[in-house]
Amino acid sequence: MTGEQLDVGVGPWPGDPPNDPRYDPELLVDGDRRNVVDRYRYWRREAVVADLDRRRHDFHVAIENWQHDFNIGTVVRNANAFLAAEVHIVGRRRWNRRGAMVTDRYQHVRHHETIEQFAGWAAERALPLVGIDNLPGSRPLESSTLPRRCVLLFGQEGPGLSDAARDACDQLFSIAQYGSTRSINAGVASGIAMHAWIRAYAGPPPA
């Protein structure tokens, strides 16, 4: 790369537009520069979400948000990439969306005010809470298999899972680290944990 800016996406639809309700008339005329895979080019947002909903996986992702954690956007983006059922924000409702790179438009995001409220929601649906944190007693993720139906729960940058979150977890898993740092951030940890689930249960992505 020499600093030249390459166009992302596609330009206006060549020729007569398709007679398909999934397609967005404005995108067909103006082009589609969104950060979406090619199979969704020119599609309406609602059509993309509906198609994703037919294929979503059995795991959810949750992250605590007591201090406006900047990792939340990355967690949402990872959840979209690995097609999580939903993302759950526990604590403050507001979060920095910049890191999500607009993927929150295609990913279901639910808010819970407290860990207790969130744990109750999960219990009603028989979804075990799986904490990801390097805590005493955590099982190594590298040699374990995550439950197929579960919620992967991540804590704040720095302190990790709160005491209330730890108490609510049915299982705890750790991610092996080999350097000097005490922890990796929730954005990175979420991608590792979600991919561990994908390796265990998901088939190849659609062409």
N, C-alpha and C. Protein backbone atom coordinates (compact mmCIF):
# COMPACT_ATOMS: atom_id res chain seq x y z
N MET A 1 0.84 -1.20 0.00
CA MET A 1 0.00 0.00 0.00
C MET A 1 0.87 1.25 0.00
N THR A 2 0.48 2.23 -0.78
CA THR A 2 1.23 3.48 -0.87
C THR A 2 0.47 4.66 -0.28
N GLY A 3 -0.58 4.38 0.41
CA GLY A 3 -1.41 5.45 0.95
C GLY A 3 -2.61 5.74 0.10
N GLU A 4 -2.70 5.10 -1.09
CA GLU A 4 -3.85 5.29 -1.95
C GLU A 4 -5.09 4.67 -1.31
N GLN A 5 -6.19 5.41 -1.27
CA GLN A 5 -7.42 4.93 -0.65
C GLN A 5 -8.19 4.06 -1.63
N LEU A 6 -8.44 2.81 -1.28
CA LEU A 6 -9.20 1.92 -2.13
C LEU A 6 -10.67 1.98 -1.74
N ASP A 7 -11.54 1.99 -2.76
CA ASP A 7 -12.97 2.00 -2.50
C ASP A 7 -13.40 0.67 -1.90
N VAL A 8 -14.28 0.73 -0.92
CA VAL A 8 -14.83 -0.46 -0.29
C VAL A 8 -16.23 -0.67 -0.83
N GLY A 9 -16.57 -1.91 -1.12
CA GLY A 9 -17.92 -2.19 -1.57
C GLY A 9 -18.06 -2.14 -3.07
N VAL A 10 -19.27 -1.81 -3.52
CA VAL A 10 -19.59 -1.83 -4.95
C VAL A 10 -20.32 -0.55 -5.33
N GLY A 11 -20.26 -0.22 -6.59
CA GLY A 11 -20.94 0.96 -7.10
C GLY A 11 -22.39 0.67 -7.44
N PRO A 12 -23.04 1.57 -8.18
CA PRO A 12 -24.45 1.36 -8.56
C PRO A 12 -24.64 0.05 -9.32
N TRP A 13 -25.84 -0.51 -9.16
CA TRP A 13 -26.15 -1.78 -9.83
C TRP A 13 -26.09 -1.58 -11.34
N PRO A 14 -25.36 -2.45 -12.05
CA PRO A 14 -25.28 -2.31 -13.51
C PRO A 14 -26.52 -2.89 -14.18
N GLY A 15 -27.11 -2.14 -15.08
CA GLY A 15 -28.27 -2.64 -15.81
C GLY A 15 -29.56 -2.47 -15.03
N ASP A 16 -30.57 -3.26 -15.41
CA ASP A 16 -31.88 -3.16 -14.79
C ASP A 16 -31.81 -3.71 -13.36
N PRO A 17 -32.44 -3.02 -12.40
CA PRO A 17 -32.40 -3.49 -11.00
C PRO A 17 -33.19 -4.78 -10.83
N PRO A 18 -32.79 -5.64 -9.89
CA PRO A 18 -33.50 -6.90 -9.67
C PRO A 18 -34.87 -6.65 -9.04
N ASN A 19 -35.82 -7.50 -9.37
CA ASN A 19 -37.16 -7.43 -8.79
C ASN A 19 -37.18 -8.35 -7.57
N ASP A 20 -36.60 -7.86 -6.47
CA ASP A 20 -36.42 -8.66 -5.27
C ASP A 20 -36.60 -7.74 -4.07
N PRO A 21 -37.58 -8.03 -3.18
CA PRO A 21 -37.85 -7.12 -2.06
C PRO A 21 -36.69 -7.02 -1.07
N ARG A 22 -35.72 -7.92 -1.12
CA ARG A 22 -34.58 -7.83 -0.21
C ARG A 22 -33.66 -6.67 -0.56
N TYR A 23 -33.72 -6.20 -1.78
CA TYR A 23 -32.79 -5.17 -2.23
C TYR A 23 -33.30 -3.77 -1.89
N ASP A 24 -32.37 -2.89 -1.56
CA ASP A 24 -32.67 -1.52 -1.19
C ASP A 24 -32.56 -0.63 -2.42
N PRO A 25 -33.65 0.05 -2.81
CA PRO A 25 -33.61 0.87 -4.03
C PRO A 25 -32.53 1.94 -4.01
N GLU A 26 -32.28 2.56 -2.86
CA GLU A 26 -31.26 3.60 -2.79
C GLU A 26 -29.86 3.03 -2.99
N LEU A 27 -29.60 1.85 -2.39
CA LEU A 27 -28.29 1.23 -2.56
C LEU A 27 -28.07 0.79 -4.00
N LEU A 28 -29.13 0.34 -4.66
CA LEU A 28 -29.00 -0.06 -6.06
C LEU A 28 -28.60 1.12 -6.93
N VAL A 29 -29.11 2.30 -6.60
CA VAL A 29 -28.81 3.51 -7.38
C VAL A 29 -27.46 4.10 -7.01
N ASP A 30 -27.17 4.16 -5.71
CA ASP A 30 -25.98 4.88 -5.23
C ASP A 30 -24.76 4.00 -5.03
N GLY A 31 -24.96 2.69 -4.95
CA GLY A 31 -23.87 1.79 -4.61
C GLY A 31 -23.92 1.43 -3.14
N ASP A 32 -23.20 0.38 -2.78
CA ASP A 32 -23.23 -0.14 -1.41
C ASP A 32 -21.81 -0.16 -0.87
N ARG A 33 -21.50 0.77 0.03
CA ARG A 33 -20.16 0.87 0.61
C ARG A 33 -20.12 0.37 2.06
N ARG A 34 -21.12 -0.38 2.46
CA ARG A 34 -21.18 -0.86 3.83
C ARG A 34 -20.18 -1.98 4.09
N ASN A 35 -19.89 -2.19 5.37
CA ASN A 35 -19.00 -3.27 5.79
C ASN A 35 -19.81 -4.56 5.95
N VAL A 36 -20.23 -5.12 4.80
CA VAL A 36 -20.98 -6.38 4.81
C VAL A 36 -20.32 -7.34 3.82
N VAL A 37 -20.54 -8.64 4.02
CA VAL A 37 -20.02 -9.63 3.09
C VAL A 37 -20.75 -9.50 1.76
N ASP A 38 -20.14 -10.04 0.71
CA ASP A 38 -20.66 -9.83 -0.64
C ASP A 38 -22.08 -10.34 -0.83
N ARG A 39 -22.44 -11.42 -0.12
CA ARG A 39 -23.78 -11.99 -0.34
C ARG A 39 -24.89 -11.04 0.11
N TYR A 40 -24.55 -10.02 0.91
CA TYR A 40 -25.55 -9.06 1.38
C TYR A 40 -25.45 -7.71 0.67
N ARG A 41 -24.65 -7.62 -0.39
CA ARG A 41 -24.55 -6.36 -1.11
C ARG A 41 -25.92 -5.94 -1.66
N TYR A 42 -26.26 -4.70 -1.43
CA TYR A 42 -27.49 -4.04 -1.88
C TYR A 42 -28.73 -4.45 -1.07
N TRP A 43 -28.57 -5.36 -0.12
CA TRP A 43 -29.73 -5.79 0.65
C TRP A 43 -30.15 -4.71 1.65
N ARG A 44 -31.45 -4.65 1.94
CA ARG A 44 -31.94 -3.81 3.03
C ARG A 44 -31.41 -4.35 4.35
N ARG A 45 -31.24 -3.45 5.33
CA ARG A 45 -30.76 -3.89 6.64
C ARG A 45 -31.69 -4.94 7.23
N GLU A 46 -33.01 -4.71 7.13
CA GLU A 46 -33.97 -5.65 7.72
C GLU A 46 -33.86 -7.03 7.07
N ALA A 47 -33.57 -7.06 5.78
CA ALA A 47 -33.43 -8.34 5.09
C ALA A 47 -32.17 -9.07 5.54
N VAL A 48 -31.10 -8.32 5.78
CA VAL A 48 -29.87 -8.93 6.28
C VAL A 48 -30.11 -9.54 7.66
N VAL A 49 -30.75 -8.77 8.54
CA VAL A 49 -31.01 -9.26 9.90
C VAL A 49 -31.90 -10.50 9.86
N ALA A 50 -32.91 -10.49 9.01
CA ALA A 50 -33.81 -11.64 8.91
C ALA A 50 -33.06 -12.89 8.45
N ASP A 51 -32.15 -12.72 7.51
CA ASP A 51 -31.37 -13.87 7.04
C ASP A 51 -30.43 -14.37 8.12
N LEU A 52 -29.79 -13.45 8.85
CA LEU A 52 -28.91 -13.84 9.94
C LEU A 52 -29.70 -14.57 11.03
N ASP A 53 -30.91 -14.10 11.30
CA ASP A 53 -31.73 -14.71 12.36
C ASP A 53 -32.04 -16.18 12.07
N ARG A 54 -32.07 -16.54 10.82
CA ARG A 54 -32.35 -17.94 10.47
C ARG A 54 -31.16 -18.84 10.74
N ARG A 55 -29.97 -18.24 10.97
CA ARG A 55 -28.75 -19.05 11.11
C ARG A 55 -28.01 -18.81 12.42
N ARG A 56 -28.56 -18.00 13.32
CA ARG A 56 -27.79 -17.65 14.52
C ARG A 56 -27.46 -18.88 15.36
N HIS A 57 -26.31 -18.78 16.04
CA HIS A 57 -25.83 -19.91 16.84
C HIS A 57 -26.49 -19.94 18.23
N ASP A 58 -26.19 -20.98 18.97
CA ASP A 58 -26.85 -21.22 20.25
C ASP A 58 -26.20 -20.50 21.43
N PHE A 59 -25.13 -19.76 21.21
CA PHE A 59 -24.48 -19.08 22.32
C PHE A 59 -24.82 -17.58 22.31
N HIS A 60 -24.89 -17.02 23.51
CA HIS A 60 -25.05 -15.58 23.72
C HIS A 60 -23.74 -15.04 24.29
N VAL A 61 -23.60 -13.74 24.24
CA VAL A 61 -22.42 -13.08 24.79
C VAL A 61 -22.89 -11.95 25.71
N ALA A 62 -22.25 -11.82 26.86
CA ALA A 62 -22.60 -10.74 27.80
C ALA A 62 -21.33 -10.08 28.30
N ILE A 63 -21.43 -8.78 28.57
CA ILE A 63 -20.29 -8.05 29.13
C ILE A 63 -20.79 -7.03 30.14
N GLU A 64 -20.08 -6.94 31.25
CA GLU A 64 -20.42 -5.96 32.27
C GLU A 64 -19.98 -4.57 31.82
N ASN A 65 -20.80 -3.57 32.14
CA ASN A 65 -20.53 -2.20 31.73
C ASN A 65 -20.80 -1.26 32.89
N TRP A 66 -19.87 -1.23 33.83
CA TRP A 66 -20.02 -0.35 34.99
C TRP A 66 -19.20 0.93 34.82
N GLN A 67 -18.22 0.93 33.90
CA GLN A 67 -17.30 2.06 33.77
C GLN A 67 -17.14 2.50 32.32
N HIS A 68 -18.19 2.34 31.50
CA HIS A 68 -18.12 2.70 30.09
C HIS A 68 -16.93 2.04 29.40
N ASP A 69 -16.88 0.72 29.46
CA ASP A 69 -15.77 -0.04 28.92
C ASP A 69 -15.70 0.14 27.40
N PHE A 70 -14.54 0.54 26.88
CA PHE A 70 -14.37 0.76 25.46
C PHE A 70 -14.27 -0.54 24.67
N ASN A 71 -14.17 -1.67 25.36
CA ASN A 71 -14.10 -2.96 24.67
C ASN A 71 -15.45 -3.45 24.16
N ILE A 72 -16.52 -2.85 24.61
CA ILE A 72 -17.84 -3.38 24.28
C ILE A 72 -18.08 -3.39 22.78
N GLY A 73 -17.66 -2.33 22.10
CA GLY A 73 -17.84 -2.28 20.65
C GLY A 73 -17.16 -3.45 19.96
N THR A 74 -15.96 -3.81 20.41
CA THR A 74 -15.25 -4.95 19.83
C THR A 74 -15.98 -6.25 20.13
N VAL A 75 -16.52 -6.37 21.33
CA VAL A 75 -17.29 -7.57 21.68
C VAL A 75 -18.49 -7.71 20.75
N VAL A 76 -19.19 -6.61 20.50
CA VAL A 76 -20.35 -6.65 19.60
C VAL A 76 -19.91 -7.03 18.18
N ARG A 77 -18.81 -6.46 17.73
CA ARG A 77 -18.32 -6.78 16.38
C ARG A 77 -17.95 -8.26 16.28
N ASN A 78 -17.28 -8.80 17.30
CA ASN A 78 -16.96 -10.23 17.31
C ASN A 78 -18.22 -11.09 17.33
N ALA A 79 -19.21 -10.67 18.11
CA ALA A 79 -20.46 -11.43 18.19
C ALA A 79 -21.15 -11.48 16.83
N ASN A 80 -21.08 -10.39 16.08
CA ASN A 80 -21.64 -10.38 14.74
C ASN A 80 -20.85 -11.32 13.82
N ALA A 81 -19.52 -11.27 13.91
CA ALA A 81 -18.68 -12.10 13.04
C ALA A 81 -18.94 -13.58 13.28
N PHE A 82 -19.15 -13.97 14.55
CA PHE A 82 -19.35 -15.38 14.89
C PHE A 82 -20.83 -15.73 15.05
N LEU A 83 -21.71 -14.78 14.76
CA LEU A 83 -23.16 -14.97 14.71
C LEU A 83 -23.75 -15.46 16.03
N ALA A 84 -23.45 -14.72 17.10
CA ALA A 84 -24.05 -15.00 18.40
C ALA A 84 -25.55 -14.73 18.36
N ALA A 85 -26.28 -15.42 19.20
CA ALA A 85 -27.73 -15.20 19.26
C ALA A 85 -28.05 -13.76 19.68
N GLU A 86 -27.40 -13.30 20.76
CA GLU A 86 -27.61 -11.94 21.24
C GLU A 86 -26.37 -11.49 22.00
N VAL A 87 -26.24 -10.17 22.13
CA VAL A 87 -25.26 -9.59 23.03
C VAL A 87 -26.01 -8.94 24.18
N HIS A 88 -25.53 -9.13 25.40
CA HIS A 88 -26.17 -8.57 26.59
C HIS A 88 -25.22 -7.59 27.26
N ILE A 89 -25.69 -6.37 27.45
CA ILE A 89 -24.93 -5.35 28.16
C ILE A 89 -25.49 -5.28 29.58
N VAL A 90 -24.65 -5.53 30.57
CA VAL A 90 -25.10 -5.57 31.96
C VAL A 90 -24.52 -4.36 32.69
N GLY A 91 -25.40 -3.50 33.20
CA GLY A 91 -24.95 -2.30 33.89
C GLY A 91 -25.42 -1.05 33.18
N ARG A 92 -24.50 -0.16 32.86
CA ARG A 92 -24.86 1.08 32.18
C ARG A 92 -25.43 0.77 30.79
N ARG A 93 -26.48 1.50 30.43
CA ARG A 93 -27.12 1.28 29.13
C ARG A 93 -26.25 1.82 27.99
N ARG A 94 -25.63 2.97 28.21
CA ARG A 94 -24.85 3.60 27.16
C ARG A 94 -23.48 2.93 27.02
N TRP A 95 -23.04 2.76 25.80
CA TRP A 95 -21.73 2.18 25.54
C TRP A 95 -21.17 2.79 24.26
N ASN A 96 -19.86 2.77 24.13
CA ASN A 96 -19.19 3.38 22.98
C ASN A 96 -19.33 2.47 21.77
N ARG A 97 -20.06 2.92 20.77
CA ARG A 97 -20.36 2.09 19.60
C ARG A 97 -19.29 2.16 18.50
N ARG A 98 -18.30 2.99 18.68
CA ARG A 98 -17.31 3.18 17.61
C ARG A 98 -16.62 1.87 17.24
N GLY A 99 -16.23 1.09 18.25
CA GLY A 99 -15.53 -0.16 17.97
C GLY A 99 -16.38 -1.21 17.30
N ALA A 100 -17.71 -1.05 17.34
CA ALA A 100 -18.60 -2.03 16.71
C ALA A 100 -18.59 -1.92 15.20
N MET A 101 -18.12 -0.79 14.66
CA MET A 101 -18.05 -0.59 13.21
C MET A 101 -19.40 -0.85 12.54
N VAL A 102 -20.47 -0.36 13.17
CA VAL A 102 -21.84 -0.41 12.67
C VAL A 102 -22.43 -1.82 12.68
N THR A 103 -21.70 -2.82 13.21
CA THR A 103 -22.24 -4.18 13.25
C THR A 103 -23.41 -4.30 14.22
N ASP A 104 -23.56 -3.33 15.15
CA ASP A 104 -24.70 -3.40 16.07
C ASP A 104 -26.02 -3.23 15.33
N ARG A 105 -26.00 -2.75 14.09
CA ARG A 105 -27.23 -2.65 13.30
C ARG A 105 -27.74 -4.03 12.90
N TYR A 106 -26.87 -5.02 12.92
CA TYR A 106 -27.23 -6.36 12.47
C TYR A 106 -27.22 -7.39 13.60
N GLN A 107 -26.88 -6.93 14.81
CA GLN A 107 -26.75 -7.83 15.95
C GLN A 107 -27.75 -7.45 17.03
N HIS A 108 -28.49 -8.42 17.55
CA HIS A 108 -29.43 -8.14 18.63
C HIS A 108 -28.66 -7.82 19.91
N VAL A 109 -28.96 -6.68 20.51
CA VAL A 109 -28.30 -6.23 21.73
C VAL A 109 -29.36 -5.97 22.78
N ARG A 110 -29.23 -6.61 23.94
CA ARG A 110 -30.21 -6.48 25.02
C ARG A 110 -29.52 -5.90 26.26
N HIS A 111 -30.25 -5.07 26.99
CA HIS A 111 -29.69 -4.43 28.19
C HIS A 111 -30.31 -5.01 29.45
N HIS A 112 -29.47 -5.19 30.49
CA HIS A 112 -29.92 -5.61 31.82
C HIS A 112 -29.28 -4.67 32.83
N GLU A 113 -30.06 -4.18 33.77
CA GLU A 113 -29.55 -3.20 34.71
C GLU A 113 -28.58 -3.80 35.73
N THR A 114 -28.81 -5.03 36.13
CA THR A 114 -27.99 -5.65 37.17
C THR A 114 -27.63 -7.08 36.78
N ILE A 115 -26.60 -7.61 37.43
CA ILE A 115 -26.24 -9.00 37.23
C ILE A 115 -27.39 -9.91 37.66
N GLU A 116 -28.06 -9.55 38.74
CA GLU A 116 -29.17 -10.37 39.23
C GLU A 116 -30.29 -10.44 38.19
N GLN A 117 -30.60 -9.31 37.58
CA GLN A 117 -31.63 -9.29 36.54
C GLN A 117 -31.21 -10.15 35.35
N PHE A 118 -29.96 -10.00 34.97
CA PHE A 118 -29.44 -10.76 33.83
C PHE A 118 -29.42 -12.27 34.14
N ALA A 119 -28.96 -12.64 35.33
CA ALA A 119 -28.91 -14.05 35.71
C ALA A 119 -30.31 -14.66 35.73
N GLY A 120 -31.30 -13.88 36.18
CA GLY A 120 -32.67 -14.36 36.17
C GLY A 120 -33.17 -14.61 34.76
N TRP A 121 -32.83 -13.70 33.85
CA TRP A 121 -33.22 -13.87 32.44
C TRP A 121 -32.63 -15.16 31.88
N ALA A 122 -31.35 -15.40 32.17
CA ALA A 122 -30.70 -16.60 31.66
C ALA A 122 -31.29 -17.87 32.28
N ALA A 123 -31.57 -17.82 33.57
CA ALA A 123 -32.13 -18.99 34.25
C ALA A 123 -33.49 -19.37 33.69
N GLU A 124 -34.30 -18.38 33.35
CA GLU A 124 -35.63 -18.65 32.78
C GLU A 124 -35.52 -19.40 31.46
N ARG A 125 -34.41 -19.26 30.77
CA ARG A 125 -34.21 -19.89 29.47
C ARG A 125 -33.25 -21.08 29.54
N ALA A 126 -32.91 -21.48 30.77
CA ALA A 126 -32.00 -22.61 31.00
C ALA A 126 -30.68 -22.44 30.25
N LEU A 127 -30.17 -21.20 30.27
CA LEU A 127 -28.90 -20.89 29.64
C LEU A 127 -27.83 -20.77 30.73
N PRO A 128 -26.88 -21.69 30.82
CA PRO A 128 -25.83 -21.56 31.83
C PRO A 128 -24.94 -20.36 31.55
N LEU A 129 -24.52 -19.70 32.62
CA LEU A 129 -23.60 -18.56 32.51
C LEU A 129 -22.17 -19.08 32.60
N VAL A 130 -21.39 -18.79 31.57
CA VAL A 130 -20.01 -19.26 31.48
C VAL A 130 -19.09 -18.04 31.56
N GLY A 131 -18.44 -17.87 32.69
CA GLY A 131 -17.53 -16.75 32.86
C GLY A 131 -16.18 -17.03 32.23
N ILE A 132 -15.63 -16.02 31.55
CA ILE A 132 -14.30 -16.13 30.96
C ILE A 132 -13.40 -15.15 31.70
N ASP A 133 -12.53 -15.68 32.55
CA ASP A 133 -11.64 -14.84 33.35
C ASP A 133 -10.55 -15.73 33.94
N ASN A 134 -9.37 -15.18 34.10
CA ASN A 134 -8.26 -15.95 34.67
C ASN A 134 -8.32 -15.89 36.19
N LEU A 135 -9.20 -16.71 36.74
CA LEU A 135 -9.44 -16.73 38.18
C LEU A 135 -9.01 -18.07 38.76
N PRO A 136 -8.67 -18.11 40.04
CA PRO A 136 -8.37 -19.40 40.68
C PRO A 136 -9.56 -20.35 40.52
N GLY A 137 -9.28 -21.55 40.10
CA GLY A 137 -10.34 -22.53 39.92
C GLY A 137 -10.93 -22.57 38.52
N SER A 138 -10.57 -21.61 37.66
CA SER A 138 -11.07 -21.63 36.29
C SER A 138 -10.45 -22.79 35.52
N ARG A 139 -11.23 -23.41 34.66
CA ARG A 139 -10.73 -24.50 33.82
C ARG A 139 -10.10 -23.93 32.56
N PRO A 140 -9.01 -24.50 32.07
CA PRO A 140 -8.37 -23.97 30.87
C PRO A 140 -9.25 -24.16 29.63
N LEU A 141 -9.52 -23.08 28.95
CA LEU A 141 -10.36 -23.14 27.76
C LEU A 141 -9.73 -23.99 26.68
N GLU A 142 -8.40 -24.01 26.62
CA GLU A 142 -7.70 -24.72 25.56
C GLU A 142 -7.94 -26.23 25.58
N SER A 143 -8.23 -26.79 26.73
CA SER A 143 -8.44 -28.23 26.84
C SER A 143 -9.87 -28.57 27.26
N SER A 144 -10.79 -27.63 27.05
CA SER A 144 -12.18 -27.83 27.47
C SER A 144 -13.12 -27.60 26.29
N THR A 145 -14.35 -28.05 26.44
CA THR A 145 -15.40 -27.80 25.45
C THR A 145 -16.50 -27.00 26.12
N LEU A 146 -16.84 -25.88 25.55
CA LEU A 146 -17.91 -25.04 26.09
C LEU A 146 -19.26 -25.71 25.89
N PRO A 147 -20.24 -25.40 26.75
CA PRO A 147 -21.60 -25.91 26.51
C PRO A 147 -22.15 -25.37 25.19
N ARG A 148 -22.97 -26.14 24.53
CA ARG A 148 -23.52 -25.68 23.25
C ARG A 148 -24.47 -24.50 23.46
N ARG A 149 -25.37 -24.63 24.41
CA ARG A 149 -26.27 -23.52 24.75
C ARG A 149 -25.71 -22.84 26.00
N CYS A 150 -25.33 -21.59 25.86
CA CYS A 150 -24.72 -20.92 27.00
C CYS A 150 -24.66 -19.42 26.75
N VAL A 151 -24.27 -18.69 27.79
CA VAL A 151 -23.93 -17.28 27.68
C VAL A 151 -22.48 -17.12 28.11
N LEU A 152 -21.65 -16.59 27.23
CA LEU A 152 -20.26 -16.29 27.56
C LEU A 152 -20.22 -14.92 28.20
N LEU A 153 -19.75 -14.85 29.44
CA LEU A 153 -19.82 -13.62 30.23
C LEU A 153 -18.41 -13.08 30.47
N PHE A 154 -18.24 -11.78 30.18
CA PHE A 154 -16.96 -11.11 30.30
C PHE A 154 -17.08 -9.92 31.24
N GLY A 155 -16.01 -9.64 31.95
CA GLY A 155 -16.00 -8.53 32.89
C GLY A 155 -15.37 -7.28 32.31
N GLN A 156 -15.15 -6.31 33.19
CA GLN A 156 -14.58 -5.02 32.81
C GLN A 156 -13.08 -5.13 32.54
N GLU A 157 -12.58 -4.21 31.74
CA GLU A 157 -11.14 -4.08 31.57
C GLU A 157 -10.52 -3.79 32.93
N GLY A 158 -9.50 -4.53 33.31
CA GLY A 158 -8.83 -4.32 34.59
C GLY A 158 -9.31 -5.29 35.65
N PRO A 159 -10.46 -5.01 36.29
CA PRO A 159 -10.88 -5.88 37.39
C PRO A 159 -11.46 -7.21 36.95
N GLY A 160 -11.87 -7.32 35.69
CA GLY A 160 -12.48 -8.57 35.24
C GLY A 160 -13.90 -8.71 35.75
N LEU A 161 -14.34 -9.94 35.92
CA LEU A 161 -15.70 -10.18 36.38
C LEU A 161 -15.89 -9.64 37.79
N SER A 162 -17.03 -9.01 38.03
CA SER A 162 -17.36 -8.54 39.37
C SER A 162 -17.65 -9.73 40.27
N ASP A 163 -17.64 -9.49 41.59
CA ASP A 163 -17.95 -10.57 42.53
C ASP A 163 -19.34 -11.15 42.28
N ALA A 164 -20.29 -10.26 41.97
CA ALA A 164 -21.66 -10.73 41.72
C ALA A 164 -21.71 -11.60 40.47
N ALA A 165 -20.94 -11.22 39.44
CA ALA A 165 -20.92 -12.01 38.21
C ALA A 165 -20.27 -13.37 38.44
N ARG A 166 -19.19 -13.39 39.21
CA ARG A 166 -18.53 -14.66 39.51
C ARG A 166 -19.47 -15.60 40.23
N ASP A 167 -20.21 -15.07 41.20
CA ASP A 167 -21.13 -15.89 41.97
C ASP A 167 -22.27 -16.43 41.10
N ALA A 168 -22.63 -15.68 40.07
CA ALA A 168 -23.74 -16.09 39.21
C ALA A 168 -23.34 -17.14 38.17
N CYS A 169 -22.03 -17.28 37.91
CA CYS A 169 -21.56 -18.17 36.86
C CYS A 169 -21.73 -19.64 37.24
N ASP A 170 -22.14 -20.43 36.27
CA ASP A 170 -22.22 -21.88 36.44
C ASP A 170 -20.86 -22.53 36.20
N GLN A 171 -20.06 -21.94 35.32
CA GLN A 171 -18.74 -22.45 35.01
C GLN A 171 -17.80 -21.28 34.77
N LEU A 172 -16.51 -21.49 34.99
CA LEU A 172 -15.50 -20.48 34.73
C LEU A 172 -14.38 -21.10 33.89
N PHE A 173 -13.94 -20.36 32.87
CA PHE A 173 -12.86 -20.81 32.02
C PHE A 173 -11.81 -19.71 31.92
N SER A 174 -10.56 -20.12 31.79
CA SER A 174 -9.46 -19.18 31.64
C SER A 174 -8.82 -19.35 30.26
N ILE A 175 -8.14 -18.28 29.81
CA ILE A 175 -7.42 -18.30 28.54
C ILE A 175 -5.92 -18.24 28.86
N ALA A 176 -5.18 -19.22 28.38
CA ALA A 176 -3.75 -19.31 28.71
C ALA A 176 -2.99 -18.09 28.17
N GLN A 177 -2.11 -17.54 28.98
CA GLN A 177 -1.25 -16.43 28.59
C GLN A 177 0.20 -16.78 28.95
N TYR A 178 1.12 -16.26 28.15
CA TYR A 178 2.50 -16.68 28.29
C TYR A 178 3.47 -15.51 28.48
N GLY A 179 2.99 -14.30 28.43
CA GLY A 179 3.87 -13.15 28.57
C GLY A 179 3.80 -12.54 29.95
N SER A 180 4.15 -11.24 30.05
CA SER A 180 4.23 -10.57 31.34
C SER A 180 2.93 -9.91 31.77
N THR A 181 2.01 -9.68 30.83
CA THR A 181 0.78 -8.99 31.18
C THR A 181 -0.14 -9.87 32.01
N ARG A 182 -0.87 -9.25 32.93
CA ARG A 182 -1.75 -10.01 33.82
C ARG A 182 -3.01 -10.45 33.12
N SER A 183 -3.45 -9.68 32.12
CA SER A 183 -4.72 -10.00 31.48
C SER A 183 -4.75 -9.47 30.05
N ILE A 184 -5.65 -10.02 29.25
CA ILE A 184 -5.95 -9.46 27.94
C ILE A 184 -7.32 -8.81 28.02
N ASN A 185 -7.59 -7.85 27.13
CA ASN A 185 -8.85 -7.12 27.26
C ASN A 185 -10.03 -7.98 26.81
N ALA A 186 -11.22 -7.52 27.18
CA ALA A 186 -12.43 -8.30 26.92
C ALA A 186 -12.70 -8.45 25.43
N GLY A 187 -12.30 -7.46 24.64
CA GLY A 187 -12.50 -7.58 23.20
C GLY A 187 -11.74 -8.76 22.63
N VAL A 188 -10.46 -8.89 23.00
CA VAL A 188 -9.65 -10.02 22.53
C VAL A 188 -10.16 -11.32 23.13
N ALA A 189 -10.42 -11.33 24.43
CA ALA A 189 -10.88 -12.55 25.09
C ALA A 189 -12.19 -13.06 24.48
N SER A 190 -13.07 -12.15 24.14
CA SER A 190 -14.36 -12.56 23.57
C SER A 190 -14.16 -13.25 22.23
N GLY A 191 -13.25 -12.73 21.40
CA GLY A 191 -13.00 -13.37 20.11
C GLY A 191 -12.44 -14.77 20.27
N ILE A 192 -11.52 -14.94 21.23
CA ILE A 192 -10.93 -16.26 21.47
C ILE A 192 -12.00 -17.24 21.94
N ALA A 193 -12.83 -16.81 22.89
CA ALA A 193 -13.85 -17.70 23.45
C ALA A 193 -14.92 -18.05 22.42
N MET A 194 -15.35 -17.07 21.65
CA MET A 194 -16.36 -17.35 20.62
C MET A 194 -15.82 -18.30 19.57
N HIS A 195 -14.56 -18.13 19.21
CA HIS A 195 -13.98 -19.04 18.21
C HIS A 195 -13.84 -20.45 18.78
N ALA A 196 -13.60 -20.57 20.08
CA ALA A 196 -13.57 -21.90 20.70
C ALA A 196 -14.93 -22.58 20.56
N TRP A 197 -16.01 -21.81 20.72
CA TRP A 197 -17.35 -22.36 20.53
C TRP A 197 -17.54 -22.76 19.06
N ILE A 198 -17.11 -21.90 18.14
CA ILE A 198 -17.26 -22.17 16.70
C ILE A 198 -16.54 -23.47 16.33
N ARG A 199 -15.33 -23.65 16.84
CA ARG A 199 -14.55 -24.84 16.52
C ARG A 199 -15.25 -26.11 16.99
N ALA A 200 -15.98 -26.00 18.08
CA ALA A 200 -16.64 -27.18 18.64
C ALA A 200 -17.95 -27.51 17.95
N TYR A 201 -18.69 -26.50 17.47
CA TYR A 201 -20.07 -26.75 17.06
C TYR A 201 -20.46 -26.26 15.68
N ALA A 202 -19.78 -25.30 15.11
CA ALA A 202 -20.27 -24.68 13.86
C ALA A 202 -19.67 -25.36 12.63
N GLY A 203 -20.46 -25.39 11.58
CA GLY A 203 -19.95 -25.85 10.30
C GLY A 203 -19.31 -24.72 9.55
N PRO A 204 -18.95 -24.93 8.30
CA PRO A 204 -18.34 -23.85 7.51
C PRO A 204 -19.34 -22.73 7.26
N PRO A 205 -18.88 -21.49 7.13
CA PRO A 205 -19.80 -20.38 6.87
C PRO A 205 -20.37 -20.48 5.47
N PRO A 206 -21.51 -19.82 5.21
CA PRO A 206 -22.10 -19.88 3.86
C PRO A 206 -21.19 -19.23 2.83
N ALA A 207 -21.25 -19.73 1.62
CA ALA A 207 -20.41 -19.19 0.56
C ALA A 207 -20.87 -17.79 0.18
